[in-house]
């Protein structure tokens, strides 16, 4: 998706500490407040002009939205491209609960392949219903039922087109 947007927008994709391939110090606090601070420090250090257009996805949606709520004056628009765990009412699906088990989750994430993860997510990850999304006052909800968990990877050109229109 960044490939399609980079000529018109300044794009960043962060691996938050302890996520993806980024290590976190043993004493790193992954609270919403600290992750919002971490993201704000990144934005300040890289000198990203604000208010900015924020695109969040997957688990990063939780931290990006935490930053947006903490620093609303720095946000122009928000697009959530996958990632429904931004509500206190959210309940983790079965696979996510397994991956949250200490040690087991780390080993599983270190050994899982993208194809096996995608197959698992297509089978068991919940879709966000329009009713669920609408309770947050969203201005526009669009679903891509033909896609799985990684919408931005599976349909990056379509998502980039929609984002370009949304942020215009």
Protein backbone atom coordinates (compact mmCIF):
# COMPACT_ATOMS: atom_id res chain seq x y z
CA UNK A 1 0.00 0.00 0.00
CA UNK A 2 2.85 2.38 0.79
CA UNK A 3 4.29 1.67 -2.65
CA UNK A 4 1.11 3.04 -4.23
CA UNK A 5 0.91 6.08 -1.91
CA UNK A 6 4.54 7.16 -1.53
CA UNK A 7 4.61 9.48 -4.56
CA UNK A 8 1.78 11.61 -3.15
CA UNK A 9 2.21 11.10 0.60
CA UNK A 10 4.99 10.76 3.14
CA UNK A 11 4.42 7.25 4.53
CA UNK A 12 5.82 5.41 7.54
CA UNK A 13 5.18 1.85 8.74
CA UNK A 14 6.34 1.27 12.29
CA UNK A 15 7.16 -1.93 14.06
CA UNK A 16 6.25 -1.03 17.61
CA UNK A 17 8.63 -2.26 20.32
CA UNK A 18 7.96 -5.94 20.94
CA UNK A 19 5.96 -6.36 17.72
CA UNK A 20 6.94 -7.66 14.31
CA UNK A 21 10.71 -7.93 14.19
CA UNK A 22 11.37 -5.18 16.74
CA UNK A 23 12.63 -6.10 20.14
CA UNK A 24 11.52 -4.24 23.22
CA UNK A 25 13.70 -3.71 26.26
CA UNK A 26 12.66 -5.95 29.16
CA UNK A 27 11.41 -2.91 31.06
CA UNK A 28 9.47 -1.39 28.14
CA UNK A 29 5.93 -0.54 29.14
CA UNK A 30 3.41 -1.53 26.42
CA UNK A 31 0.54 0.38 28.02
CA UNK A 32 -1.65 2.49 25.76
CA UNK A 33 -0.32 5.64 27.40
CA UNK A 34 3.31 4.69 26.83
CA UNK A 35 2.75 3.53 23.26
CA UNK A 36 0.98 6.85 22.52
CA UNK A 37 4.03 8.65 23.95
CA UNK A 38 6.37 6.42 21.93
CA UNK A 39 4.49 7.21 18.71
CA UNK A 40 4.41 10.93 19.52
CA UNK A 41 8.17 10.95 20.13
CA UNK A 42 8.68 9.27 16.75
CA UNK A 43 6.48 11.87 15.02
CA UNK A 44 8.40 14.70 16.72
CA UNK A 45 11.87 13.23 16.03
CA UNK A 46 11.12 12.58 12.36
CA UNK A 47 9.47 16.02 12.12
CA UNK A 48 6.24 14.80 10.59
CA UNK A 49 4.02 17.86 10.13
CA UNK A 50 0.75 17.81 12.03
CA UNK A 51 -2.16 17.62 11.83
CA UNK A 52 -1.55 14.42 9.91
CA UNK A 53 -3.60 11.76 8.17
CA UNK A 54 -3.28 8.55 10.19
CA UNK A 55 -3.74 5.06 8.76
CA UNK A 56 -3.77 2.27 11.32
CA UNK A 57 -4.02 -1.50 10.93
CA UNK A 58 -4.15 -4.68 12.96
CA UNK A 59 -2.71 -4.42 16.49
CA UNK A 60 -1.13 -1.11 15.53
CA UNK A 61 -4.66 0.28 15.31
CA UNK A 62 -4.94 0.10 19.08
CA UNK A 63 -1.75 2.11 19.62
CA UNK A 64 -2.36 4.53 16.77
CA UNK A 65 -5.84 5.28 18.05
CA UNK A 66 -4.47 5.69 21.57
CA UNK A 67 -2.09 8.32 20.16
CA UNK A 68 -4.95 9.99 18.26
CA UNK A 69 -7.11 10.20 21.37
CA UNK A 70 -4.19 11.54 23.42
CA UNK A 71 -3.13 14.12 20.81
CA UNK A 72 -6.33 14.96 18.85
CA UNK A 73 -4.94 18.31 17.75
CA UNK A 74 -2.27 16.44 15.75
CA UNK A 75 -4.77 14.40 13.71
CA UNK A 76 -6.53 15.54 10.55
CA UNK A 77 -8.19 12.26 9.52
CA UNK A 78 -8.02 8.61 10.57
CA UNK A 79 -8.44 5.51 8.44
CA UNK A 80 -8.63 2.11 10.12
CA UNK A 81 -7.58 -0.53 7.62
CA UNK A 82 -8.26 -3.69 9.58
CA UNK A 83 -7.92 -3.90 13.31
CA UNK A 84 -11.01 -3.95 15.44
CA UNK A 85 -9.46 -4.24 18.88
CA UNK A 86 -9.88 -0.57 19.73
CA UNK A 87 -12.80 -0.94 22.09
CA UNK A 88 -12.98 -2.05 25.70
CA UNK A 89 -15.82 -4.28 24.48
CA UNK A 90 -13.53 -6.12 22.04
CA UNK A 91 -12.94 -9.81 22.80
CA UNK A 92 -9.86 -11.47 21.32
CA UNK A 93 -10.63 -14.36 18.96
CA UNK A 94 -9.31 -17.84 19.79
CA UNK A 95 -6.02 -17.65 17.89
CA UNK A 96 -5.19 -14.26 19.36
CA UNK A 97 -5.86 -15.57 22.87
CA UNK A 98 -3.41 -18.41 22.21
CA UNK A 99 -0.76 -16.01 20.89
CA UNK A 100 -1.08 -13.93 24.07
CA UNK A 101 0.11 -16.86 26.24
CA UNK A 102 3.63 -16.04 27.46
CA UNK A 103 6.36 -18.09 25.80
CA UNK A 104 3.90 -20.11 23.70
CA UNK A 105 2.89 -16.97 21.80
CA UNK A 106 6.49 -15.90 21.19
CA UNK A 107 7.47 -19.36 19.90
CA UNK A 108 4.38 -19.58 17.71
CA UNK A 109 5.00 -16.14 16.19
CA UNK A 110 8.66 -16.95 15.57
CA UNK A 111 7.80 -20.12 13.65
CA UNK A 112 4.58 -19.26 11.83
CA UNK A 113 4.75 -18.55 8.10
CA UNK A 114 2.74 -15.86 6.37
CA UNK A 115 0.67 -18.41 4.36
CA UNK A 116 -0.19 -20.46 7.46
CA UNK A 117 -1.07 -17.31 9.43
CA UNK A 118 -3.28 -16.07 6.60
CA UNK A 119 -5.06 -19.43 6.35
CA UNK A 120 -5.70 -19.45 10.08
CA UNK A 121 -6.92 -15.83 10.13
CA UNK A 122 -9.31 -16.37 7.20
CA UNK A 123 -10.87 -19.25 9.08
CA UNK A 124 -11.22 -17.89 12.61
CA UNK A 125 -10.70 -14.13 12.82
CA UNK A 126 -13.94 -12.18 13.17
CA UNK A 127 -15.02 -9.58 10.65
CA UNK A 128 -16.01 -6.15 11.86
CA UNK A 129 -19.73 -5.72 11.33
CA UNK A 130 -21.05 -2.37 10.10
CA UNK A 131 -23.06 -2.14 13.34
CA UNK A 132 -19.89 -2.55 15.43
CA UNK A 133 -18.00 0.07 13.43
CA UNK A 134 -20.93 2.50 13.36
CA UNK A 135 -21.09 2.68 17.16
CA UNK A 136 -17.85 4.70 17.03
CA UNK A 137 -19.43 7.42 14.90
CA UNK A 138 -17.50 6.50 11.79
CA UNK A 139 -18.19 8.71 8.80
CA UNK A 140 -17.64 5.91 6.30
CA UNK A 141 -17.41 2.14 6.72
CA UNK A 142 -16.41 -0.03 3.81
CA UNK A 143 -16.05 -3.80 3.87
CA UNK A 144 -13.95 -6.04 1.66
CA UNK A 145 -15.55 -9.47 2.21
CA UNK A 146 -13.36 -11.10 -0.44
CA UNK A 147 -10.25 -10.35 1.62
CA UNK A 148 -8.79 -11.86 4.74
CA UNK A 149 -6.96 -10.39 7.69
CA UNK A 150 -4.31 -8.38 5.79
CA UNK A 151 -6.45 -6.14 3.62
CA UNK A 152 -3.62 -3.68 3.00
CA UNK A 153 -1.41 -6.50 1.67
CA UNK A 154 -4.05 -8.43 -0.25
CA UNK A 155 -5.65 -5.45 -2.00
CA UNK A 156 -3.07 -2.71 -1.61
CA UNK A 157 -3.95 -0.93 -4.85
CA UNK A 158 -7.66 -0.75 -4.03
CA UNK A 159 -6.97 0.37 -0.46
CA UNK A 160 -4.50 3.01 -1.69
CA UNK A 161 -7.13 4.35 -4.11
CA UNK A 162 -9.73 4.54 -1.34
CA UNK A 163 -7.26 6.26 1.00
CA UNK A 164 -6.29 8.79 -1.66
CA UNK A 165 -9.95 9.68 -2.10
CA UNK A 166 -10.59 9.75 1.66
CA UNK A 167 -7.61 11.99 2.41
CA UNK A 168 -8.22 14.38 -0.53
